[in-house]
């Protein structure tokens, strides 16, 4: 099976945190800032986390290697015999 390709435009716009959440910058911050309220400009300075449904779409379709791996519990429970 061939390698899956990452969408390069998405890799430049989104970052995946260690916990598996997706960070993205705010929209509407590039031009015509005099027509936007101060509160909007202030809130748009920082990056935000995508909602779970949106993050799922980004990870599934655009960033296949950014998906978090499921952890397998390999630790033995005390008193267990096998």
N, C-alpha and C. Protein backbone atom coordinates (compact mmCIF):
# COMPACT_ATOMS: atom_id res chain seq x y z
N UNK A 1 0.85 -1.18 0.00
CA UNK A 1 0.00 0.00 0.00
C UNK A 1 0.89 1.25 0.00
N UNK A 2 0.62 2.22 -0.87
CA UNK A 2 1.48 3.40 -0.94
C UNK A 2 1.31 4.30 0.29
N UNK A 3 2.28 5.17 0.45
CA UNK A 3 2.22 6.12 1.55
C UNK A 3 1.03 7.06 1.36
N UNK A 4 0.46 7.51 2.49
CA UNK A 4 -0.57 8.54 2.42
C UNK A 4 0.12 9.89 2.34
N UNK A 5 -0.44 10.80 1.60
CA UNK A 5 0.17 12.12 1.45
C UNK A 5 -0.53 13.14 2.32
N UNK A 6 0.27 13.97 2.97
CA UNK A 6 -0.24 15.09 3.75
C UNK A 6 -0.55 16.24 2.81
N UNK A 7 -1.70 16.88 3.00
CA UNK A 7 -2.02 18.09 2.23
C UNK A 7 -1.13 19.21 2.77
N UNK A 8 -0.24 19.72 1.93
CA UNK A 8 0.75 20.68 2.39
C UNK A 8 0.13 22.01 2.83
N UNK A 9 -0.97 22.40 2.20
CA UNK A 9 -1.64 23.63 2.62
C UNK A 9 -2.17 23.48 4.04
N UNK A 10 -2.69 22.31 4.36
CA UNK A 10 -3.22 22.07 5.70
C UNK A 10 -2.09 22.00 6.73
N UNK A 11 -0.95 21.44 6.35
CA UNK A 11 0.15 21.34 7.30
C UNK A 11 0.70 22.71 7.66
N UNK A 12 0.53 23.69 6.76
CA UNK A 12 0.99 25.05 7.05
C UNK A 12 -0.02 25.82 7.90
N UNK A 13 -1.28 25.43 7.87
CA UNK A 13 -2.33 26.16 8.58
C UNK A 13 -2.68 25.58 9.94
N UNK A 14 -2.45 24.29 10.12
CA UNK A 14 -2.85 23.61 11.35
C UNK A 14 -1.65 22.94 12.00
N UNK A 15 -1.67 22.91 13.32
CA UNK A 15 -0.66 22.18 14.09
C UNK A 15 -1.40 21.24 15.03
N UNK A 16 -0.85 20.05 15.21
CA UNK A 16 -1.46 19.07 16.10
C UNK A 16 -0.68 19.06 17.40
N UNK A 17 -1.39 19.21 18.52
CA UNK A 17 -0.74 19.21 19.82
C UNK A 17 -0.43 17.79 20.24
N UNK A 18 0.30 17.65 21.33
CA UNK A 18 0.67 16.33 21.81
C UNK A 18 -0.56 15.52 22.24
N UNK A 19 -1.56 16.21 22.74
CA UNK A 19 -2.77 15.51 23.19
C UNK A 19 -3.71 15.19 22.03
N UNK A 20 -3.36 15.63 20.81
CA UNK A 20 -4.17 15.28 19.64
C UNK A 20 -5.15 16.35 19.20
N UNK A 21 -5.16 17.50 19.89
CA UNK A 21 -6.04 18.59 19.47
C UNK A 21 -5.39 19.34 18.31
N UNK A 22 -6.23 20.08 17.57
CA UNK A 22 -5.73 20.80 16.40
C UNK A 22 -5.78 22.30 16.66
N UNK A 23 -4.62 22.97 16.53
CA UNK A 23 -4.53 24.42 16.68
C UNK A 23 -4.65 25.08 15.32
N UNK A 24 -5.33 26.22 15.29
CA UNK A 24 -5.47 26.96 14.03
C UNK A 24 -5.49 28.44 14.35
N UNK A 25 -5.00 29.23 13.40
CA UNK A 25 -5.04 30.68 13.55
C UNK A 25 -6.43 31.22 13.24
N UNK A 26 -6.67 32.43 13.66
CA UNK A 26 -7.97 33.05 13.44
C UNK A 26 -8.09 33.59 12.02
N UNK A 27 -9.31 33.62 11.53
CA UNK A 27 -9.58 34.15 10.20
C UNK A 27 -9.86 35.65 10.27
N UNK A 28 -9.94 36.30 9.13
CA UNK A 28 -10.31 37.71 8.99
C UNK A 28 -9.31 38.64 9.67
N UNK A 29 -8.02 38.38 9.54
CA UNK A 29 -7.02 39.23 10.20
C UNK A 29 -6.00 39.81 9.23
N UNK A 30 -6.24 39.71 7.93
CA UNK A 30 -5.20 40.11 7.00
C UNK A 30 -5.32 41.53 6.48
N UNK A 31 -6.51 42.03 6.26
CA UNK A 31 -6.63 43.38 5.71
C UNK A 31 -7.97 44.00 6.12
N UNK A 32 -8.10 45.30 5.85
CA UNK A 32 -9.28 46.10 6.20
C UNK A 32 -9.57 46.03 7.70
N UNK A 33 -8.52 46.18 8.49
CA UNK A 33 -8.68 46.05 9.94
C UNK A 33 -9.37 47.27 10.55
N UNK A 34 -9.40 48.39 9.84
CA UNK A 34 -10.05 49.58 10.40
C UNK A 34 -11.57 49.40 10.46
N UNK A 35 -12.10 48.46 9.69
CA UNK A 35 -13.55 48.23 9.70
C UNK A 35 -13.98 47.18 10.71
N UNK A 36 -13.04 46.65 11.46
CA UNK A 36 -13.37 45.58 12.41
C UNK A 36 -13.27 46.12 13.83
N UNK A 37 -14.11 45.65 14.73
CA UNK A 37 -14.07 46.16 16.10
C UNK A 37 -12.79 45.75 16.83
N UNK A 38 -12.45 46.55 17.85
CA UNK A 38 -11.23 46.30 18.61
C UNK A 38 -11.26 44.93 19.27
N UNK A 39 -12.43 44.56 19.76
CA UNK A 39 -12.54 43.28 20.46
C UNK A 39 -12.26 42.11 19.52
N UNK A 40 -12.71 42.22 18.28
CA UNK A 40 -12.47 41.15 17.30
C UNK A 40 -10.98 41.04 16.98
N UNK A 41 -10.32 42.20 16.81
CA UNK A 41 -8.91 42.19 16.50
C UNK A 41 -8.10 41.63 17.66
N UNK A 42 -8.50 41.95 18.87
CA UNK A 42 -7.80 41.47 20.05
C UNK A 42 -7.94 39.95 20.20
N UNK A 43 -9.14 39.44 19.98
CA UNK A 43 -9.38 38.00 20.10
C UNK A 43 -8.71 37.22 18.98
N UNK A 44 -8.54 37.87 17.82
CA UNK A 44 -7.97 37.18 16.66
C UNK A 44 -6.45 37.08 16.70
N UNK A 45 -5.82 37.72 17.69
CA UNK A 45 -4.35 37.67 17.76
C UNK A 45 -3.86 36.27 18.08
N UNK A 46 -4.58 35.57 18.91
CA UNK A 46 -4.10 34.27 19.38
C UNK A 46 -4.66 33.13 18.53
N UNK A 47 -4.00 32.01 18.62
CA UNK A 47 -4.50 30.83 17.93
C UNK A 47 -5.54 30.16 18.81
N UNK A 48 -6.38 29.38 18.20
CA UNK A 48 -7.42 28.69 18.94
C UNK A 48 -7.44 27.22 18.58
N UNK A 49 -8.17 26.46 19.37
CA UNK A 49 -8.34 25.04 19.10
C UNK A 49 -9.58 24.84 18.26
N UNK A 50 -9.50 23.94 17.31
CA UNK A 50 -10.68 23.61 16.52
C UNK A 50 -11.63 22.77 17.35
N UNK A 51 -12.90 22.86 17.03
CA UNK A 51 -13.88 22.02 17.71
C UNK A 51 -13.64 20.57 17.31
N UNK A 52 -14.13 19.64 18.09
CA UNK A 52 -13.87 18.22 17.85
C UNK A 52 -14.31 17.74 16.46
N UNK A 53 -15.53 18.12 15.99
CA UNK A 53 -15.91 17.67 14.64
C UNK A 53 -15.00 18.23 13.55
N UNK A 54 -14.61 19.51 13.68
CA UNK A 54 -13.73 20.11 12.68
C UNK A 54 -12.33 19.49 12.73
N UNK A 55 -11.84 19.25 13.93
CA UNK A 55 -10.52 18.64 14.08
C UNK A 55 -10.51 17.24 13.48
N UNK A 56 -11.59 16.53 13.65
CA UNK A 56 -11.69 15.17 13.10
C UNK A 56 -11.60 15.20 11.57
N UNK A 57 -12.27 16.18 10.96
CA UNK A 57 -12.23 16.32 9.50
C UNK A 57 -10.82 16.63 9.03
N UNK A 58 -10.16 17.57 9.71
CA UNK A 58 -8.80 17.95 9.32
C UNK A 58 -7.86 16.77 9.45
N UNK A 59 -7.93 16.06 10.57
CA UNK A 59 -7.01 14.95 10.80
C UNK A 59 -7.27 13.80 9.84
N UNK A 60 -8.51 13.52 9.60
CA UNK A 60 -8.85 12.37 8.76
C UNK A 60 -8.51 12.62 7.29
N UNK A 61 -8.80 13.82 6.80
CA UNK A 61 -8.66 14.08 5.37
C UNK A 61 -7.34 14.72 4.96
N UNK A 62 -6.76 15.53 5.82
CA UNK A 62 -5.63 16.34 5.40
C UNK A 62 -4.31 15.99 6.08
N UNK A 63 -4.36 15.55 7.33
CA UNK A 63 -3.14 15.27 8.09
C UNK A 63 -3.15 13.82 8.58
N UNK A 64 -2.96 12.87 7.71
CA UNK A 64 -3.10 11.46 8.13
C UNK A 64 -2.06 11.04 9.16
N UNK A 65 -0.88 11.65 9.17
CA UNK A 65 0.14 11.26 10.13
C UNK A 65 0.08 12.09 11.40
N UNK A 66 -0.88 13.01 11.49
CA UNK A 66 -1.06 13.79 12.71
C UNK A 66 -2.02 13.14 13.68
N UNK A 67 -2.62 12.05 13.26
CA UNK A 67 -3.58 11.38 14.12
C UNK A 67 -2.87 10.75 15.31
N UNK A 68 -3.54 10.82 16.45
CA UNK A 68 -2.98 10.28 17.67
C UNK A 68 -3.14 8.76 17.66
N UNK A 69 -2.09 8.09 18.05
CA UNK A 69 -2.15 6.64 18.11
C UNK A 69 -2.88 6.20 19.38
N UNK A 70 -3.63 5.12 19.28
CA UNK A 70 -4.30 4.59 20.46
C UNK A 70 -3.28 3.87 21.32
N UNK A 71 -3.36 4.14 22.62
CA UNK A 71 -2.44 3.50 23.53
C UNK A 71 -2.97 2.12 23.90
N UNK A 72 -2.07 1.17 23.91
CA UNK A 72 -2.43 -0.19 24.30
C UNK A 72 -1.86 -0.42 25.68
N UNK A 73 -2.71 -0.83 26.60
CA UNK A 73 -2.28 -1.06 27.97
C UNK A 73 -1.61 -2.43 28.04
N UNK A 74 -0.29 -2.45 28.14
CA UNK A 74 0.44 -3.71 28.20
C UNK A 74 0.89 -4.05 29.60
N UNK A 75 0.57 -3.18 30.55
CA UNK A 75 0.99 -3.39 31.93
C UNK A 75 0.16 -4.51 32.55
N UNK A 76 0.83 -5.40 33.26
CA UNK A 76 0.12 -6.51 33.91
C UNK A 76 -0.47 -6.01 35.22
N UNK A 77 -1.66 -6.49 35.52
CA UNK A 77 -2.32 -6.16 36.78
C UNK A 77 -1.78 -7.10 37.84
N UNK A 78 -1.54 -6.56 39.03
CA UNK A 78 -0.97 -7.37 40.09
C UNK A 78 -1.94 -8.47 40.50
N UNK A 79 -1.43 -9.67 40.67
CA UNK A 79 -2.25 -10.81 41.06
C UNK A 79 -2.82 -11.56 39.89
N UNK A 80 -2.58 -11.09 38.68
CA UNK A 80 -3.11 -11.76 37.49
C UNK A 80 -2.18 -12.90 37.10
N UNK A 81 -2.76 -14.02 36.76
CA UNK A 81 -1.95 -15.15 36.30
C UNK A 81 -2.27 -15.45 34.87
N UNK A 82 -1.27 -15.83 34.11
CA UNK A 82 -1.52 -16.19 32.71
C UNK A 82 -0.73 -17.39 32.31
